Amino acid sequence: MKKKEILRRFAPLLAGAFFFCSAFFLPCVEEAPVCAVSAAAAEAWRVPRGVTVDGVPVGGMSVRKAEGLLRGLTEAKNPVLTVHTPAGDFEFSGAQIGFSDNFAALLSRAEKNGRYDGKVTYFLKGMEGQAEYICANNRLSALDAEVHFSSEGFSYEAERQGVACDEKRLLREIGESLAAGPQQDGEGVFRFPAVSLSTRPLAPKKTLSEVKKGTKKISSFETYFNTDDKARSGNIALAASRIDGFTLRPGEEFSFNAVVGERTAENGFGTAKVIKDGEFIAGVGGGVCQVSTTLYNAAVLAGLKITARKPHSLAVHYVPPSRDAMVSSLSDFRFKNIRSYPVYLSAKVKGDGLFVTFYGVDEGYRYEIVSVTTGEIEPPEPIEKVGDYEGVIREGKAGIRSEAYLETYRYGKLVRREKLRTDSYAPIRGIVGVKREP
């Protein structure tokens, strides 16, 4: 067999041996003579004359040179992948776009005057991470509308619609675009078919109009006091300011003593009349019970659950019997929010009035407290006080037995009437002055 014929028949095997060696044993070293020989053979082997790949004439070139030329032309295209998104376009090119080809295999089996089309497969390096980055720049969490409450009143934040990104679809469409290959545009730039990010809106759970429905006035109650009594008026204003702007969440319990704090001079309270052991005496924090009483009535009218309440030992002038709530260091007034929504508490002093208001969801209920006096408790005989004055120093006053009922109305119709409590208030013993004998 002639030498040329032997080379023609065994050249593909030689080239294949070279490429197999290149793939699995590179880099070649001096200790690998077979690899070195194969590489040298590949360098010497030339592509048959007249061969073109993708229209590029490579006939007569060494296989290595032809392969390098074709790969270099592919890299020179520097194709661009564009992803259109609501947040702007993302472009990938250069080192971000990788590819693999079949040039080696194609050239190893090329025949004289053959016309071949190479196969180039493109890929986006770190495609999963790039897709996540694109989505991260377009994804937006939906935000519910919010209400903020303080002593200044209500303020609101409107809801925000969110954006969801279809990352799986993005990965699929990037893959399809790369598989389609780049095409040269009018400006000479090779571009893959553009990809548009698929997004969908995410609706918030609470809108501004829905949030505002939870801030309707659901009850109010007011009492009045003598502004000439500066210490008592100051105590009322201070205690009211401590509870003003309070938010009570569903299931939470309000403690008057915990919120208002100790009635001490160090805590800002002054000395005024208080009731102790059936007598009016001077004490720090006098007047605070008017705040707890006003709050008690507003809480009952809001349909909240009273968990701790005690009456005064003596009837007070600012509410009917069985509608008061006494507080002290030993006695707290507490109530619980049994609703599924927050309630908001406002307590304002305006002129000679104390106004307590609850806000929340108006469920169509209205409450009324009915006070009923069921009897009197006769005062004991007056005490005689010997001195320079003769006559009545303090009138005796009968005590009171009373009951309170809660009437519940639903859209104006009475649906329930229940007893709230039964109380008794001690009588006030009179004092009579008797002149001292000379």
Protein backbone atom coordinates (compact mmCIF):
# COMPACT_ATOMS: atom_id res chain seq x y z
CA MET A 1 0.00 0.00 0.00
CA LYS A 2 1.33 3.41 -0.93
CA LYS A 3 2.43 5.84 1.79
CA LYS A 4 -0.13 8.51 0.79
CA GLU A 5 -2.96 5.99 0.87
CA ILE A 6 -1.91 4.79 4.33
CA LEU A 7 -1.90 8.34 5.63
CA ARG A 8 -5.28 9.06 4.07
CA ARG A 9 -6.90 6.03 5.65
CA PHE A 10 -5.36 6.30 9.11
CA ALA A 11 -5.30 10.07 9.51
CA PRO A 12 -8.70 10.19 11.29
CA LEU A 13 -7.49 7.59 13.77
CA LEU A 14 -4.36 9.59 14.37
CA ALA A 15 -6.29 12.81 14.90
CA GLY A 16 -8.72 11.03 17.17
CA ALA A 17 -5.86 9.70 19.24
CA PHE A 18 -4.54 13.22 19.57
CA PHE A 19 -7.83 14.67 20.72
CA PHE A 20 -8.44 11.80 23.12
CA CYS A 21 -5.03 12.41 24.58
CA SER A 22 -5.59 16.15 24.75
CA ALA A 23 -8.84 15.70 26.60
CA PHE A 24 -7.70 13.20 29.18
CA PHE A 25 -3.93 13.56 29.57
CA LEU A 26 -3.11 17.23 29.12
CA PRO A 27 -0.85 18.90 29.97
CA CYS A 28 1.61 16.68 28.17
CA VAL A 29 4.93 16.07 29.89
CA GLU A 30 8.24 14.59 28.81
CA GLU A 31 7.40 11.34 30.58
CA ALA A 32 4.46 10.84 28.17
CA PRO A 33 6.04 10.19 24.77
CA VAL A 34 2.81 8.82 23.26
CA CYS A 35 1.00 12.07 24.03
CA ALA A 36 3.85 14.13 22.64
CA VAL A 37 3.90 12.11 19.45
CA SER A 38 0.15 12.43 19.02
CA ALA A 39 0.29 16.19 19.52
CA ALA A 40 3.08 16.46 17.00
CA ALA A 41 1.15 14.34 14.56
CA ALA A 42 -1.90 16.53 14.98
CA GLU A 43 0.21 19.61 14.39
CA ALA A 44 1.57 18.04 11.20
CA TRP A 45 -1.77 16.73 9.94
CA ARG A 46 -3.54 19.09 7.62
CA VAL A 47 -7.16 19.51 6.73
CA PRO A 48 -7.97 18.25 3.23
CA ARG A 49 -7.95 20.94 0.56
CA GLY A 50 -11.16 22.76 -0.31
CA VAL A 51 -12.75 22.24 3.15
CA THR A 52 -14.86 25.06 4.59
CA VAL A 53 -16.54 25.22 8.00
CA ASP A 54 -19.30 27.79 8.43
CA GLY A 55 -18.11 29.33 5.17
CA VAL A 56 -14.55 29.73 6.44
CA PRO A 57 -11.90 28.06 4.23
CA VAL A 58 -9.63 25.92 6.34
CA GLY A 59 -8.33 23.48 3.72
CA GLY A 60 -4.61 22.91 3.86
CA MET A 61 -4.30 24.27 7.42
CA SER A 62 -3.08 22.13 10.25
CA VAL A 63 -5.94 20.74 12.28
CA ARG A 64 -4.80 22.72 15.31
CA LYS A 65 -4.61 25.98 13.41
CA ALA A 66 -7.98 25.45 11.74
CA GLU A 67 -9.58 24.63 15.05
CA GLY A 68 -8.04 27.72 16.64
CA LEU A 69 -9.20 29.91 13.76
CA LEU A 70 -12.79 28.72 13.94
CA ARG A 71 -12.89 29.04 17.71
CA GLY A 72 -11.37 32.50 17.54
CA LEU A 73 -13.98 33.64 15.02
CA THR A 74 -16.69 32.31 17.30
CA GLU A 75 -15.27 34.19 20.28
CA ALA A 76 -14.93 37.35 18.18
CA LYS A 77 -18.67 37.48 17.70
CA ASN A 78 -18.93 38.35 21.43
CA PRO A 79 -22.67 37.70 21.37
CA VAL A 80 -24.98 39.61 23.73
CA LEU A 81 -27.89 38.21 25.70
CA THR A 82 -30.44 40.81 26.84
CA VAL A 83 -33.10 40.20 29.48
CA HIS A 84 -35.81 42.86 29.57
CA THR A 85 -37.30 43.43 33.04
CA PRO A 86 -39.48 46.07 34.72
CA ALA A 87 -36.40 47.14 36.68
CA GLY A 88 -34.37 47.66 33.50
CA ASP A 89 -32.41 45.59 31.01
CA PHE A 90 -29.75 43.09 32.03
CA GLU A 91 -27.08 42.31 29.41
CA PHE A 92 -24.58 39.46 29.39
CA SER A 93 -21.62 39.14 27.01
CA GLY A 94 -17.91 38.49 26.85
CA ALA A 95 -16.60 36.25 29.59
CA GLN A 96 -20.13 35.74 30.90
CA ILE A 97 -21.12 33.77 27.80
CA GLY A 98 -19.38 30.45 27.38
CA PHE A 99 -19.63 27.93 24.54
CA SER A 100 -18.63 24.46 23.45
CA ASP A 101 -18.18 23.31 19.82
CA ASN A 102 -17.66 20.28 17.62
CA PHE A 103 -14.83 21.76 15.53
CA ALA A 104 -12.29 19.11 16.59
CA ALA A 105 -14.50 16.19 15.67
CA LEU A 106 -15.61 17.90 12.46
CA LEU A 107 -12.11 18.57 11.26
CA SER A 108 -10.94 15.05 12.15
CA ARG A 109 -13.36 13.53 9.67
CA ALA A 110 -13.42 16.26 7.03
CA GLU A 111 -13.03 15.19 3.39
CA LYS A 112 -11.65 17.07 0.43
CA ASN A 113 -13.84 19.98 -0.75
CA GLY A 114 -16.28 19.30 2.07
CA ARG A 115 -18.68 22.05 3.17
CA TYR A 116 -19.49 21.80 6.86
CA ASP A 117 -21.53 23.66 9.42
CA GLY A 118 -20.06 23.71 12.88
CA LYS A 119 -22.20 23.24 15.95
CA VAL A 120 -21.70 25.77 18.73
CA THR A 121 -23.57 25.40 22.01
CA TYR A 122 -23.74 28.54 24.15
CA PHE A 123 -24.32 28.75 27.89
CA LEU A 124 -24.57 31.52 30.45
CA LYS A 125 -21.99 31.02 33.16
CA GLY A 126 -23.57 30.68 36.59
CA MET A 127 -27.00 30.82 35.00
CA GLU A 128 -28.93 29.94 38.18
CA GLY A 129 -27.16 32.66 40.13
CA GLN A 130 -27.72 35.20 37.36
CA ALA A 131 -31.42 34.36 37.22
CA GLU A 132 -31.68 34.77 40.98
CA TYR A 133 -29.89 38.13 40.74
CA ILE A 134 -32.32 39.34 38.07
CA CYS A 135 -35.31 38.24 40.12
CA ALA A 136 -33.87 39.78 43.29
CA ASN A 137 -33.78 43.13 41.49
CA ASN A 138 -37.40 42.80 40.38
CA ARG A 139 -39.01 40.88 43.21
CA LEU A 140 -40.94 43.02 45.67
CA SER A 141 -42.79 41.91 48.78
CA ALA A 142 -46.36 43.09 49.15
CA LEU A 143 -46.86 45.35 52.15
CA ASP A 144 -50.10 45.61 54.06
CA ALA A 145 -51.51 48.99 54.92
CA GLU A 146 -50.65 49.95 58.47
CA VAL A 147 -52.19 52.09 61.17
CA HIS A 148 -50.17 53.96 63.77
CA PHE A 149 -51.80 55.30 66.91
CA SER A 150 -50.48 57.62 69.58
CA SER A 151 -51.66 60.49 71.74
CA GLU A 152 -51.57 62.54 68.53
CA GLY A 153 -54.23 60.29 67.00
CA PHE A 154 -54.12 58.05 63.95
CA SER A 155 -51.75 58.03 61.01
CA TYR A 156 -51.79 55.55 58.15
CA GLU A 157 -49.44 53.93 55.65
CA ALA A 158 -51.03 52.82 52.39
CA GLU A 159 -50.55 49.29 51.13
CA ARG A 160 -47.94 48.42 48.49
CA GLN A 161 -48.47 45.91 45.72
CA GLY A 162 -45.73 43.34 45.42
CA VAL A 163 -44.09 41.69 42.42
CA ALA A 164 -43.43 37.97 42.02
CA CYS A 165 -40.78 36.70 39.59
CA ASP A 166 -41.12 33.44 37.65
CA GLU A 167 -37.52 32.28 38.03
CA LYS A 168 -38.09 28.83 36.55
CA ARG A 169 -39.58 30.30 33.42
CA LEU A 170 -36.68 32.76 33.17
CA LEU A 171 -34.15 29.92 33.28
CA ARG A 172 -36.06 28.02 30.62
CA GLU A 173 -36.34 31.02 28.28
CA ILE A 174 -32.65 31.94 28.72
CA GLY A 175 -31.79 28.37 27.74
CA GLU A 176 -34.05 28.58 24.68
CA SER A 177 -32.53 31.91 23.64
CA LEU A 178 -28.98 30.57 23.91
CA ALA A 179 -29.96 27.42 21.99
CA ALA A 180 -31.35 29.57 19.16
CA GLY A 181 -27.90 31.13 18.69
CA PRO A 182 -26.91 34.74 18.01
CA GLN A 183 -27.87 36.77 14.96
CA GLN A 184 -26.19 39.90 13.72
CA ASP A 185 -28.30 43.04 14.05
CA GLY A 186 -28.23 46.20 11.95
CA GLU A 187 -25.36 47.59 13.96
CA GLY A 188 -23.22 44.52 13.48
CA VAL A 189 -23.72 43.19 17.00
CA PHE A 190 -24.44 39.52 17.43
CA ARG A 191 -27.42 39.09 19.71
CA PHE A 192 -29.38 36.19 21.07
CA PRO A 193 -33.17 36.52 20.95
CA ALA A 194 -34.11 38.88 23.78
CA VAL A 195 -35.76 37.42 26.87
CA SER A 196 -38.47 39.24 28.83
CA LEU A 197 -38.81 38.50 32.53
CA SER A 198 -42.23 37.17 33.47
CA THR A 199 -43.65 38.79 36.61
CA ARG A 200 -47.02 38.92 38.30
CA PRO A 201 -48.47 41.27 40.90
CA LEU A 202 -48.79 40.25 44.55
CA ALA A 203 -51.79 41.76 46.29
CA PRO A 204 -51.43 42.86 49.94
CA LYS A 205 -53.73 41.30 52.51
CA LYS A 206 -54.84 44.61 54.01
CA THR A 207 -55.69 47.73 52.07
CA LEU A 208 -55.89 51.26 53.45
CA SER A 209 -59.68 51.26 53.33
CA GLU A 210 -59.79 47.96 55.25
CA VAL A 211 -57.36 49.24 57.89
CA LYS A 212 -59.40 52.40 58.39
CA LYS A 213 -62.45 50.26 59.15
CA GLY A 214 -60.61 49.17 62.28
CA THR A 215 -60.29 52.71 63.62
CA LYS A 216 -63.94 53.66 64.04
CA LYS A 217 -65.17 55.09 67.32
CA ILE A 218 -66.85 52.27 69.24
CA SER A 219 -67.45 53.94 72.62
CA SER A 220 -66.89 57.10 74.62
CA PHE A 221 -67.57 58.34 78.12
CA GLU A 222 -66.87 61.57 79.94
CA THR A 223 -66.88 62.90 83.47
CA TYR A 224 -66.34 66.40 84.85
CA PHE A 225 -64.32 67.86 87.70
CA ASN A 226 -63.64 71.11 89.54
CA THR A 227 -60.71 72.87 87.89
CA ASP A 228 -60.27 75.09 90.94
CA ASP A 229 -58.83 72.10 92.76
CA LYS A 230 -55.45 72.34 91.06
CA ALA A 231 -53.81 69.33 92.67
CA ARG A 232 -56.73 67.02 91.86
CA SER A 233 -57.05 68.39 88.32
CA GLY A 234 -53.32 67.86 87.78
CA ASN A 235 -53.53 64.26 88.95
CA ILE A 236 -56.42 63.61 86.56
CA ALA A 237 -54.53 65.14 83.63
CA LEU A 238 -51.35 63.20 84.45
CA ALA A 239 -53.09 59.82 84.76
CA ALA A 240 -55.05 60.48 81.57
CA SER A 241 -51.85 61.27 79.67
CA ARG A 242 -50.35 57.95 80.75
CA ILE A 243 -53.14 55.93 79.12
CA ASP A 244 -53.73 58.21 76.13
CA GLY A 245 -52.63 56.64 72.84
CA PHE A 246 -52.58 53.07 74.21
CA THR A 247 -53.14 50.14 71.80
CA LEU A 248 -54.60 46.94 73.22
CA ARG A 249 -53.99 43.95 70.97
CA PRO A 250 -56.38 40.98 70.69
CA GLY A 251 -56.19 38.85 73.82
CA GLU A 252 -54.16 41.42 75.78
CA GLU A 253 -55.17 42.68 79.23
CA PHE A 254 -54.93 46.32 80.29
CA SER A 255 -53.75 47.03 83.84
CA PHE A 256 -54.45 50.54 85.09
CA ASN A 257 -51.78 50.37 87.79
CA ALA A 258 -49.15 49.04 85.40
CA VAL A 259 -49.79 51.71 82.78
CA VAL A 260 -50.32 54.73 85.05
CA GLY A 261 -47.71 53.75 87.60
CA GLU A 262 -47.49 54.34 91.34
CA ARG A 263 -49.29 57.36 92.71
CA THR A 264 -46.33 58.95 94.42
CA ALA A 265 -44.79 62.38 94.49
CA GLU A 266 -41.72 60.93 92.75
CA ASN A 267 -43.99 59.79 89.91
CA GLY A 268 -45.43 63.27 89.49
CA PHE A 269 -48.66 63.06 91.53
CA GLY A 270 -49.83 65.70 93.98
CA THR A 271 -51.81 65.60 97.24
CA ALA A 272 -55.61 65.84 97.04
CA LYS A 273 -58.66 64.24 98.67
CA VAL A 274 -58.93 60.47 98.53
CA ILE A 275 -61.39 58.02 100.05
CA LYS A 276 -59.95 55.74 102.72
CA ASP A 277 -61.89 53.58 105.18
CA GLY A 278 -65.12 55.45 104.48
CA GLU A 279 -63.59 58.89 104.97
CA PHE A 280 -62.33 61.63 102.67
CA ILE A 281 -58.74 62.38 103.60
CA ALA A 282 -55.75 64.03 101.98
CA GLY A 283 -53.55 61.64 100.02
CA VAL A 284 -51.12 61.56 97.12
CA GLY A 285 -52.87 60.84 93.81
CA GLY A 286 -56.35 62.10 94.74
CA GLY A 287 -58.50 62.26 91.60
CA VAL A 288 -56.90 59.32 89.82
CA CYS A 289 -59.95 57.18 90.60
CA GLN A 290 -62.00 59.49 88.41
CA VAL A 291 -59.77 58.48 85.51
CA SER A 292 -60.12 54.75 86.25
CA THR A 293 -63.88 55.20 86.63
CA THR A 294 -64.23 57.06 83.33
CA LEU A 295 -62.10 54.42 81.66
CA TYR A 296 -64.20 51.65 83.19
CA ASN A 297 -67.42 53.04 81.73
CA ALA A 298 -65.86 53.51 78.28
CA ALA A 299 -64.46 49.96 78.36
CA VAL A 300 -67.84 48.45 79.26
CA LEU A 301 -69.51 50.49 76.52
CA ALA A 302 -66.91 49.15 74.07
CA GLY A 303 -67.90 45.56 74.88
CA LEU A 304 -64.56 44.71 76.51
CA LYS A 305 -64.28 42.13 79.28
CA ILE A 306 -63.74 43.58 82.77
CA THR A 307 -61.36 41.29 84.66
CA ALA A 308 -60.80 43.30 87.88
CA ARG A 309 -62.90 46.10 89.37
CA LYS A 310 -63.82 47.25 92.86
CA PRO A 311 -66.21 50.00 93.97
CA HIS A 312 -65.31 52.83 96.30
CA SER A 313 -66.31 52.50 99.94
CA LEU A 314 -68.30 55.73 99.50
CA ALA A 315 -70.42 56.81 96.54
CA VAL A 316 -68.73 59.33 94.25
CA HIS A 317 -70.36 62.35 92.69
CA TYR A 318 -69.15 62.02 89.10
CA VAL A 319 -70.95 58.76 88.14
CA PRO A 320 -74.14 56.97 89.26
CA PRO A 321 -73.83 54.08 91.77
CA SER A 322 -72.30 50.82 90.54
CA ARG A 323 -70.50 52.62 87.73
CA ASP A 324 -67.26 53.46 89.51
CA ALA A 325 -63.89 51.71 89.59
CA MET A 326 -61.57 52.36 92.54
CA VAL A 327 -57.82 51.94 92.22
CA SER A 328 -55.11 51.94 94.86
CA SER A 329 -51.78 50.31 95.53
CA LEU A 330 -53.75 47.21 96.57
CA SER A 331 -56.58 47.35 94.05
CA ASP A 332 -56.18 47.40 90.27
CA PHE A 333 -58.65 47.99 87.46
CA ARG A 334 -58.13 45.64 84.53
CA PHE A 335 -59.93 44.72 81.34
CA LYS A 336 -59.20 42.40 78.42
CA ASN A 337 -59.59 42.79 74.67
CA ILE A 338 -61.61 39.74 73.65
CA ARG A 339 -62.00 40.98 70.08
CA SER A 340 -60.09 39.68 67.07
CA TYR A 341 -58.80 43.16 66.30
CA PRO A 342 -56.87 45.83 68.24
CA VAL A 343 -58.65 48.56 70.18
CA TYR A 344 -57.20 52.02 70.62
CA LEU A 345 -57.58 54.16 73.71
CA SER A 346 -57.75 57.94 73.82
CA ALA A 347 -57.98 59.89 77.12
CA LYS A 348 -58.11 63.67 76.88
CA VAL A 349 -58.67 66.45 79.40
CA LYS A 350 -60.46 69.40 77.85
CA GLY A 351 -61.46 72.22 80.18
CA ASP A 352 -63.28 70.64 83.12
CA GLY A 353 -64.00 67.41 81.28
CA LEU A 354 -62.24 64.07 81.00
CA PHE A 355 -63.07 62.29 77.74
CA VAL A 356 -62.21 58.63 77.17
CA THR A 357 -62.80 57.06 73.74
CA PHE A 358 -62.22 53.60 72.33
CA TYR A 359 -61.65 52.95 68.62
CA GLY A 360 -61.83 49.68 66.73
CA VAL A 361 -64.10 47.77 64.36
CA ASP A 362 -67.72 48.81 64.49
CA GLU A 363 -69.60 45.50 64.60
CA GLY A 364 -72.99 47.12 64.90
CA TYR A 365 -73.28 46.68 68.69
CA ARG A 366 -74.16 49.44 71.13
CA TYR A 367 -74.11 49.12 74.91
CA GLU A 368 -75.85 51.01 77.67
CA ILE A 369 -75.24 50.80 81.43
CA VAL A 370 -78.30 51.16 83.61
CA SER A 371 -77.74 52.05 87.29
CA VAL A 372 -80.48 51.10 89.73
CA THR A 373 -80.57 52.13 93.42
CA THR A 374 -82.13 49.23 95.32
CA GLY A 375 -82.03 50.63 98.85
CA GLU A 376 -80.43 52.91 101.41
CA ILE A 377 -78.24 52.28 104.44
CA GLU A 378 -79.13 54.57 107.32
CA PRO A 379 -76.19 56.44 108.78
CA PRO A 380 -75.29 55.81 112.42
CA GLU A 381 -75.82 58.40 115.11
CA PRO A 382 -73.64 61.47 114.59
CA ILE A 383 -70.42 61.94 116.44
CA GLU A 384 -70.30 64.75 118.95
CA LYS A 385 -67.30 66.99 118.71
CA VAL A 386 -66.65 69.15 121.74
CA GLY A 387 -65.26 72.58 120.98
CA ASP A 388 -66.10 76.21 120.49
CA TYR A 389 -68.72 75.51 117.84
CA GLU A 390 -72.19 74.21 118.45
CA GLY A 391 -74.21 72.81 115.58
CA VAL A 392 -73.96 70.50 112.59
CA ILE A 393 -70.41 70.22 111.34
CA ARG A 394 -71.11 67.47 108.80
CA GLU A 395 -74.45 66.15 107.68
CA GLY A 396 -74.94 62.45 107.91
CA LYS A 397 -75.65 60.76 104.60
CA ALA A 398 -77.34 57.46 103.92
CA GLY A 399 -75.41 54.75 102.18
CA ILE A 400 -76.57 53.18 98.93
CA ARG A 401 -77.31 49.70 97.73
CA SER A 402 -77.24 49.53 93.94
CA GLU A 403 -77.06 47.36 90.89
CA ALA A 404 -75.82 47.93 87.35
CA TYR A 405 -77.18 46.27 84.22
CA LEU A 406 -75.69 46.09 80.77
CA GLU A 407 -78.05 46.35 77.82
CA THR A 408 -76.74 45.20 74.45
CA TYR A 409 -78.26 46.54 71.25
CA ARG A 410 -77.63 45.20 67.76
CA TYR A 411 -78.40 47.76 65.08
CA GLY A 412 -80.76 49.52 67.46
CA LYS A 413 -82.56 46.43 68.75
CA LEU A 414 -82.18 45.24 72.36
CA VAL A 415 -80.77 41.72 72.19
CA ARG A 416 -79.56 41.11 75.77
CA ARG A 417 -79.85 42.53 79.27
CA GLU A 418 -77.57 41.24 82.02
CA LYS A 419 -76.59 42.24 85.51
CA LEU A 420 -73.11 43.63 85.76
CA ARG A 421 -72.76 43.89 89.56
CA THR A 422 -74.31 44.60 92.92
CA ASP A 423 -72.64 47.14 95.20
CA SER A 424 -73.12 48.86 98.50
CA TYR A 425 -71.68 52.20 99.55
CA ALA A 426 -71.23 53.03 103.20
CA PRO A 427 -73.20 55.85 104.83
CA ILE A 428 -71.42 58.97 105.99
CA ARG A 429 -71.66 59.54 109.70
CA GLY A 430 -72.59 63.05 110.71
CA ILE A 431 -70.60 65.25 113.08
CA VAL A 432 -72.29 67.61 115.57
CA GLY A 433 -70.40 70.30 117.40
CA VAL A 434 -70.99 70.64 121.15
CA LYS A 435 -69.71 73.66 123.02
CA ARG A 436 -67.18 73.00 125.70
CA GLU A 437 -68.52 73.81 129.14
CA PRO A 438 -66.84 76.82 130.73
